[in-house]
Amino acid sequence: MRSHHAADTAGEVSPTSEKKAQKIASARRKRVIPAKSRLEVRITPDDKDLIEQAAFISRETTTAFVLQAARSAAEEVLRRERLTVVPPDFYDEILASLDAPPVRNRALTEAARKNRDIMDR
């Protein structure tokens, strides 16, 4: 005999278990600021079943599960975009070059002089 907590082989969630997951998620929502924006997506039935099963196993509503997964993915993308990882020796070279006194560059000095002449006209 199967427990009423388990998902069946077709990927369906029992109504009793879904109600429990909804109660848990409802209790969590009471502790946070209510969401006012909506985001809708179209997905395949297979993707929907997969997400619902994972949400059930995680004891979350489908909405809470999808939101958490999307938020984690978005934060990771932004973290990778904002973070530059370089080898330690390269990092040390950059710091050393920033600490070193400036070296006069003849071509750069000439370009700056020409720019000043143009701007002063």
Protein backbone atom coordinates (compact mmCIF):
# COMPACT_ATOMS: atom_id res chain seq x y z
CA MET A 1 0.00 0.00 0.00
CA ARG A 2 1.25 3.41 -0.93
CA SER A 3 1.52 6.28 1.53
CA HIS A 4 -0.66 9.30 0.85
CA HIS A 5 2.54 11.37 0.94
CA ALA A 6 4.11 9.82 -2.13
CA ALA A 7 3.72 10.90 -5.72
CA ASP A 8 2.32 8.14 -7.92
CA THR A 9 4.15 6.73 -10.91
CA ALA A 10 2.33 9.05 -13.30
CA GLY A 11 3.85 12.04 -11.51
CA GLU A 12 0.65 13.17 -9.82
CA VAL A 13 0.59 14.60 -6.32
CA SER A 14 -2.06 13.44 -3.88
CA PRO A 15 -4.59 16.12 -2.85
CA THR A 16 -3.77 15.62 0.84
CA SER A 17 -0.06 16.18 0.28
CA GLU A 18 -0.69 19.19 -1.93
CA LYS A 19 -2.85 20.75 0.80
CA LYS A 20 -0.07 20.23 3.34
CA ALA A 21 2.46 21.82 1.00
CA GLN A 22 0.11 24.76 0.47
CA LYS A 23 -0.27 25.23 4.25
CA ILE A 24 3.50 25.23 4.69
CA ALA A 25 3.95 27.75 1.90
CA SER A 26 1.12 29.87 3.29
CA ALA A 27 2.83 30.01 6.68
CA ARG A 28 6.07 31.08 4.98
CA ARG A 29 4.29 33.80 2.99
CA LYS A 30 2.89 35.36 6.16
CA ARG A 31 6.45 36.19 7.21
CA VAL A 32 7.32 38.08 4.03
CA ILE A 33 6.06 41.09 2.11
CA PRO A 34 3.29 39.96 -0.24
CA ALA A 35 4.18 39.88 -3.93
CA LYS A 36 2.20 42.21 -6.15
CA SER A 37 3.70 41.51 -9.57
CA ARG A 38 2.90 38.56 -11.82
CA LEU A 39 5.04 36.60 -14.23
CA GLU A 40 3.47 34.03 -16.53
CA VAL A 41 5.27 31.44 -18.63
CA ARG A 42 4.12 28.78 -21.06
CA ILE A 43 5.68 25.37 -20.49
CA THR A 44 5.25 21.86 -21.79
CA PRO A 45 3.15 19.39 -19.81
CA ASP A 46 6.31 17.36 -19.14
CA ASP A 47 8.10 20.39 -17.70
CA LYS A 48 5.05 21.21 -15.57
CA ASP A 49 4.93 17.66 -14.19
CA LEU A 50 8.65 17.71 -13.46
CA ILE A 51 8.44 21.05 -11.63
CA GLU A 52 5.37 20.00 -9.66
CA GLN A 53 7.07 16.78 -8.55
CA ALA A 54 10.18 18.65 -7.45
CA ALA A 55 8.07 21.24 -5.61
CA PHE A 56 6.16 18.47 -3.85
CA ILE A 57 9.34 16.71 -2.77
CA SER A 58 10.69 20.05 -1.55
CA ARG A 59 7.45 20.61 0.40
CA GLU A 60 6.80 23.87 -1.40
CA THR A 61 4.04 25.14 -3.60
CA THR A 62 4.81 25.11 -7.29
CA THR A 63 4.88 28.91 -7.28
CA ALA A 64 7.33 29.08 -4.37
CA PHE A 65 9.54 26.43 -5.96
CA VAL A 66 9.63 28.13 -9.37
CA LEU A 67 10.23 31.56 -7.85
CA GLN A 68 13.11 30.29 -5.70
CA ALA A 69 14.70 28.46 -8.66
CA ALA A 70 14.33 31.45 -10.99
CA ARG A 71 15.65 33.85 -8.35
CA SER A 72 18.68 31.63 -7.66
CA ALA A 73 19.43 31.39 -11.38
CA ALA A 74 19.07 35.17 -11.82
CA GLU A 75 21.34 35.89 -8.85
CA GLU A 76 23.97 33.49 -10.21
CA VAL A 77 23.90 35.11 -13.67
CA LEU A 78 24.29 38.58 -12.14
CA ARG A 79 27.05 37.39 -9.78
CA ARG A 80 29.02 35.95 -12.72
CA GLU A 81 28.50 39.17 -14.69
CA ARG A 82 29.72 41.38 -11.83
CA LEU A 83 32.64 39.23 -10.69
CA THR A 84 35.93 38.96 -12.53
CA VAL A 85 38.12 36.05 -11.54
CA VAL A 86 41.80 36.23 -12.45
CA PRO A 87 44.80 34.09 -11.52
CA PRO A 88 46.59 35.23 -8.32
CA ASP A 89 49.82 36.20 -10.12
CA PHE A 90 47.90 38.40 -12.58
CA TYR A 91 46.05 40.05 -9.68
CA ASP A 92 49.37 40.75 -7.93
CA GLU A 93 50.77 42.30 -11.14
CA ILE A 94 47.76 44.60 -11.44
CA LEU A 95 48.11 45.75 -7.82
CA ALA A 96 51.85 46.31 -8.28
CA SER A 97 51.26 48.38 -11.42
CA LEU A 98 48.70 50.51 -9.59
CA ASP A 99 51.14 51.10 -6.73
CA ALA A 100 54.08 51.92 -9.05
CA PRO A 101 54.79 55.54 -9.97
CA PRO A 102 53.43 56.51 -13.38
CA VAL A 103 55.67 56.08 -16.41
CA ARG A 104 55.52 58.88 -18.93
CA ASN A 105 54.26 57.70 -22.31
CA ARG A 106 55.31 60.03 -25.12
CA ALA A 107 52.46 59.07 -27.51
CA LEU A 108 49.84 59.47 -24.78
CA THR A 109 51.28 62.84 -23.70
CA GLU A 110 51.16 64.07 -27.31
CA ALA A 111 47.57 62.86 -27.76
CA ALA A 112 46.51 64.64 -24.56
CA ARG A 113 48.20 67.87 -25.77
CA LYS A 114 46.37 67.67 -29.11
CA ASN A 115 43.08 67.07 -27.35
CA ARG A 116 43.70 70.08 -25.10
CA ASP A 117 44.42 72.24 -28.16
CA ILE A 118 41.16 71.14 -29.81
CA MET A 119 39.12 71.74 -26.65
CA ASP A 120 40.62 75.22 -26.13
CA ARG A 121 39.52 76.45 -29.58
